[in-house]
């Protein structure tokens, strides 16, 4: 998943957390470049963790 981008110039495509967790009912999300390419990866990881947990706990 990627919270800030849907695609890149190399053809990579991402889903957002709402689509991955809420709509497609996934329990696990994989993050990569959204965190590793960040200037502040720890803060970015925290943002992803909190958003993923919120999406997971709101699933019906």
N, C-alpha and C. Protein backbone atom coordinates (compact mmCIF):
# COMPACT_ATOMS: atom_id res chain seq x y z
N UNK A 1 0.84 -1.17 0.00
CA UNK A 1 0.00 0.00 0.00
C UNK A 1 0.88 1.23 0.00
N UNK A 2 0.30 2.30 -0.44
CA UNK A 2 0.99 3.59 -0.39
C UNK A 2 -0.07 4.65 -0.09
N UNK A 3 0.17 5.43 0.92
CA UNK A 3 -0.82 6.42 1.34
C UNK A 3 -0.76 7.70 0.52
N UNK A 4 0.32 7.90 -0.24
CA UNK A 4 0.50 9.17 -0.94
C UNK A 4 0.57 9.05 -2.45
N UNK A 5 0.74 7.85 -2.98
CA UNK A 5 0.88 7.69 -4.44
C UNK A 5 0.07 6.48 -4.90
N UNK A 6 -0.40 6.53 -6.11
CA UNK A 6 -1.12 5.41 -6.72
C UNK A 6 -0.26 4.67 -7.74
N UNK A 7 0.71 5.38 -8.33
CA UNK A 7 1.55 4.79 -9.36
C UNK A 7 2.87 5.56 -9.43
N UNK A 8 3.86 4.97 -10.10
CA UNK A 8 5.11 5.69 -10.34
C UNK A 8 5.44 5.63 -11.83
N UNK A 9 6.55 6.19 -12.22
CA UNK A 9 6.90 6.22 -13.64
C UNK A 9 7.48 4.91 -14.15
N UNK A 10 7.59 3.90 -13.30
CA UNK A 10 8.08 2.59 -13.71
C UNK A 10 6.95 1.56 -13.82
N UNK A 11 5.71 1.99 -13.64
CA UNK A 11 4.58 1.09 -13.77
C UNK A 11 4.10 0.46 -12.48
N UNK A 12 4.77 0.74 -11.37
CA UNK A 12 4.34 0.22 -10.07
C UNK A 12 3.01 0.86 -9.71
N UNK A 13 2.09 0.07 -9.16
CA UNK A 13 0.79 0.59 -8.74
C UNK A 13 0.54 0.19 -7.29
N UNK A 14 -0.09 1.09 -6.54
CA UNK A 14 -0.40 0.84 -5.15
C UNK A 14 -1.88 1.07 -4.87
N UNK A 15 -2.34 0.41 -3.83
CA UNK A 15 -3.68 0.66 -3.29
C UNK A 15 -3.51 1.49 -2.03
N UNK A 16 -4.55 2.18 -1.65
CA UNK A 16 -4.49 2.88 -0.37
C UNK A 16 -5.00 1.94 0.72
N UNK A 17 -4.86 2.35 1.97
CA UNK A 17 -5.26 1.48 3.08
C UNK A 17 -6.74 1.19 3.09
N UNK A 18 -7.56 2.16 2.75
CA UNK A 18 -9.00 1.94 2.73
C UNK A 18 -9.36 0.84 1.74
N UNK A 19 -8.79 0.90 0.56
CA UNK A 19 -9.09 -0.12 -0.44
C UNK A 19 -8.57 -1.49 -0.01
N UNK A 20 -7.35 -1.54 0.48
CA UNK A 20 -6.73 -2.82 0.85
C UNK A 20 -7.40 -3.47 2.05
N UNK A 21 -7.67 -2.70 3.09
CA UNK A 21 -8.17 -3.27 4.34
C UNK A 21 -9.70 -3.28 4.39
N UNK A 22 -10.31 -2.15 4.14
CA UNK A 22 -11.76 -2.05 4.30
C UNK A 22 -12.51 -2.71 3.15
N UNK A 23 -12.18 -2.35 1.94
CA UNK A 23 -12.94 -2.87 0.80
C UNK A 23 -12.56 -4.30 0.43
N UNK A 24 -11.24 -4.60 0.43
CA UNK A 24 -10.81 -5.94 0.01
C UNK A 24 -10.61 -6.89 1.18
N UNK A 25 -10.85 -6.41 2.40
CA UNK A 25 -10.84 -7.23 3.61
C UNK A 25 -9.50 -7.89 3.91
N UNK A 26 -8.38 -7.26 3.52
CA UNK A 26 -7.06 -7.79 3.86
C UNK A 26 -6.75 -7.51 5.32
N UNK A 27 -6.08 -8.45 5.97
CA UNK A 27 -5.67 -8.28 7.36
C UNK A 27 -4.21 -7.85 7.46
N UNK A 28 -3.47 -8.00 6.38
CA UNK A 28 -2.05 -7.66 6.35
C UNK A 28 -1.82 -6.69 5.20
N UNK A 29 -1.02 -5.67 5.45
CA UNK A 29 -0.63 -4.75 4.38
C UNK A 29 0.89 -4.73 4.30
N UNK A 30 1.38 -4.56 3.11
CA UNK A 30 2.82 -4.46 2.88
C UNK A 30 3.13 -3.03 2.47
N UNK A 31 4.02 -2.42 3.20
CA UNK A 31 4.46 -1.07 2.86
C UNK A 31 5.94 -1.16 2.51
N UNK A 32 6.37 -0.28 1.66
CA UNK A 32 7.77 -0.29 1.25
C UNK A 32 8.23 1.12 0.99
N UNK A 33 8.22 1.48 -0.28
CA UNK A 33 8.75 2.76 -0.71
C UNK A 33 8.10 3.95 -0.02
N UNK A 34 6.84 3.84 0.33
CA UNK A 34 6.19 4.94 1.03
C UNK A 34 6.89 5.28 2.33
N UNK A 35 7.53 4.28 2.95
CA UNK A 35 8.28 4.50 4.18
C UNK A 35 9.76 4.68 3.88
N UNK A 36 10.34 3.77 3.10
CA UNK A 36 11.79 3.81 2.89
C UNK A 36 12.26 5.02 2.10
N UNK A 37 11.41 5.58 1.26
CA UNK A 37 11.80 6.75 0.47
C UNK A 37 11.53 8.06 1.21
N UNK A 38 10.95 7.97 2.37
CA UNK A 38 10.60 9.17 3.13
C UNK A 38 11.84 9.79 3.76
N UNK A 39 11.85 11.10 3.87
CA UNK A 39 12.92 11.81 4.57
C UNK A 39 12.86 11.55 6.07
N UNK A 40 11.67 11.15 6.55
CA UNK A 40 11.47 10.86 7.98
C UNK A 40 10.79 9.50 8.11
N UNK A 41 11.53 8.41 7.88
CA UNK A 41 10.91 7.08 7.83
C UNK A 41 10.24 6.64 9.14
N UNK A 42 10.78 7.00 10.27
CA UNK A 42 10.16 6.60 11.55
C UNK A 42 8.79 7.25 11.70
N UNK A 43 8.71 8.53 11.41
CA UNK A 43 7.42 9.22 11.49
C UNK A 43 6.45 8.67 10.45
N UNK A 44 6.96 8.36 9.28
CA UNK A 44 6.11 7.83 8.22
C UNK A 44 5.59 6.44 8.60
N UNK A 45 6.45 5.62 9.18
CA UNK A 45 6.04 4.30 9.62
C UNK A 45 4.96 4.40 10.69
N UNK A 46 5.11 5.34 11.59
CA UNK A 46 4.09 5.57 12.62
C UNK A 46 2.77 5.97 11.97
N UNK A 47 2.83 6.82 10.98
CA UNK A 47 1.60 7.24 10.28
C UNK A 47 0.92 6.04 9.62
N UNK A 48 1.70 5.19 8.96
CA UNK A 48 1.14 3.99 8.32
C UNK A 48 0.56 3.04 9.37
N UNK A 49 1.30 2.83 10.46
CA UNK A 49 0.83 1.92 11.51
C UNK A 49 -0.50 2.38 12.08
N UNK A 50 -0.60 3.66 12.40
CA UNK A 50 -1.83 4.18 12.99
C UNK A 50 -3.00 4.11 12.02
N UNK A 51 -2.75 4.43 10.76
CA UNK A 51 -3.82 4.38 9.76
C UNK A 51 -4.25 2.94 9.49
N UNK A 52 -3.28 2.03 9.44
CA UNK A 52 -3.61 0.62 9.20
C UNK A 52 -4.41 0.05 10.37
N UNK A 53 -4.01 0.38 11.59
CA UNK A 53 -4.74 -0.10 12.77
C UNK A 53 -6.16 0.45 12.79
N UNK A 54 -6.32 1.72 12.46
CA UNK A 54 -7.66 2.32 12.42
C UNK A 54 -8.52 1.63 11.38
N UNK A 55 -7.96 1.35 10.22
CA UNK A 55 -8.72 0.66 9.16
C UNK A 55 -9.07 -0.76 9.60
N UNK A 56 -8.12 -1.45 10.21
CA UNK A 56 -8.35 -2.83 10.64
C UNK A 56 -9.42 -2.91 11.71
N UNK A 57 -9.38 -2.01 12.68
CA UNK A 57 -10.35 -2.07 13.78
C UNK A 57 -11.72 -1.55 13.39
N UNK A 58 -11.83 -0.90 12.24
CA UNK A 58 -13.14 -0.43 11.79
C UNK A 58 -13.81 -1.40 10.83
N UNK A 59 -13.12 -2.50 10.49
CA UNK A 59 -13.72 -3.48 9.57
C UNK A 59 -14.96 -4.09 10.21
N UNK A 60 -15.97 -4.32 9.38
CA UNK A 60 -17.18 -4.95 9.93
C UNK A 60 -17.31 -6.37 9.46
